[in-house]
């Protein structure tokens, strides 16, 4: 029956990725691919085809993204202010306290998330996937470096995620060492954003791994290549990690095209032993332009100056 179905066909798209470059797509077992090929049919990847059905946003989804973005940005501002107020008043405050405050704020905004936010201080910011618990939480004090990675979506069907990372310093003036590393990360972030915007404006095809290369190239040129230990970005959708192209030539080589009506993060980072800096924005790709959908951090926040 399979032979009859494929009779006269030259190619068939399957959830297959050559050399398993994109494991999220490579779901067909090797034997089935061999069977299809035995009928003299070429198997090609359905990776870009899958995006058309699973990664593109409707106008309603995009509107929910902006609504969530307003709430997430407000939550980040309030979290930094809450840290500053506690430190100024000499109150005890820790990573877990801030994480739970963010969850409380989300409740008020009608925002939900699959996991609690990342709140990290000092050396914990060197771990890109750190998350505090009540048992492991570190205190936040004056002269500490703080990273907030906050993501969420509106509590209604069909909503999509908004996901950002901002950094702050618990003081009135940010020390030069933190600022220097932030500038490198910022340059890498902006290089990736500019590449996407330029490619769309010029009508040139662009693939996920190329965006990763742009950001990683900047960080490597500044001598921090070994400290950038994750992909540059991931697809966004109804799940925080969506089914579209990822900005990745590190964990995988994602050669999926960046297509209109999809959205993804750009979040390069430098993770030194004593602290790590990440700056994360979301990029929505329309028909003729690509845009960052939220505020863009231009400098580390001096928390006690708020």
Foldseek 3Di string as FASTA:
>chain_A
DLLVVCVPAAEDEALCDVVCLPVVSHPDDPVVLVVNCVSVHHYDHCQQVVCVPWFFADPVQVVQALLQQVLQVVLVVVLLLVLLVCQVVVHWDWQVNSQVSSVVSCVVSQKDAPDTKAKDKWLRQLDVPDHDDPVRIDIDYAQIKIKIWDKTTHNDPFYKMFIWMAIATAAQDDDPVVFVQQVLQLVLLVQLQVVVFVCLQVVHWDWLQVSQCSSLVSCVVVPQNVQFQAGQKAWIGNHRHTSHGTNDPHPGRTGHTDDARTKMKGWTKGRDSGHIDITIFMWHHHNRGIDTSHDGDDGHHNSNND
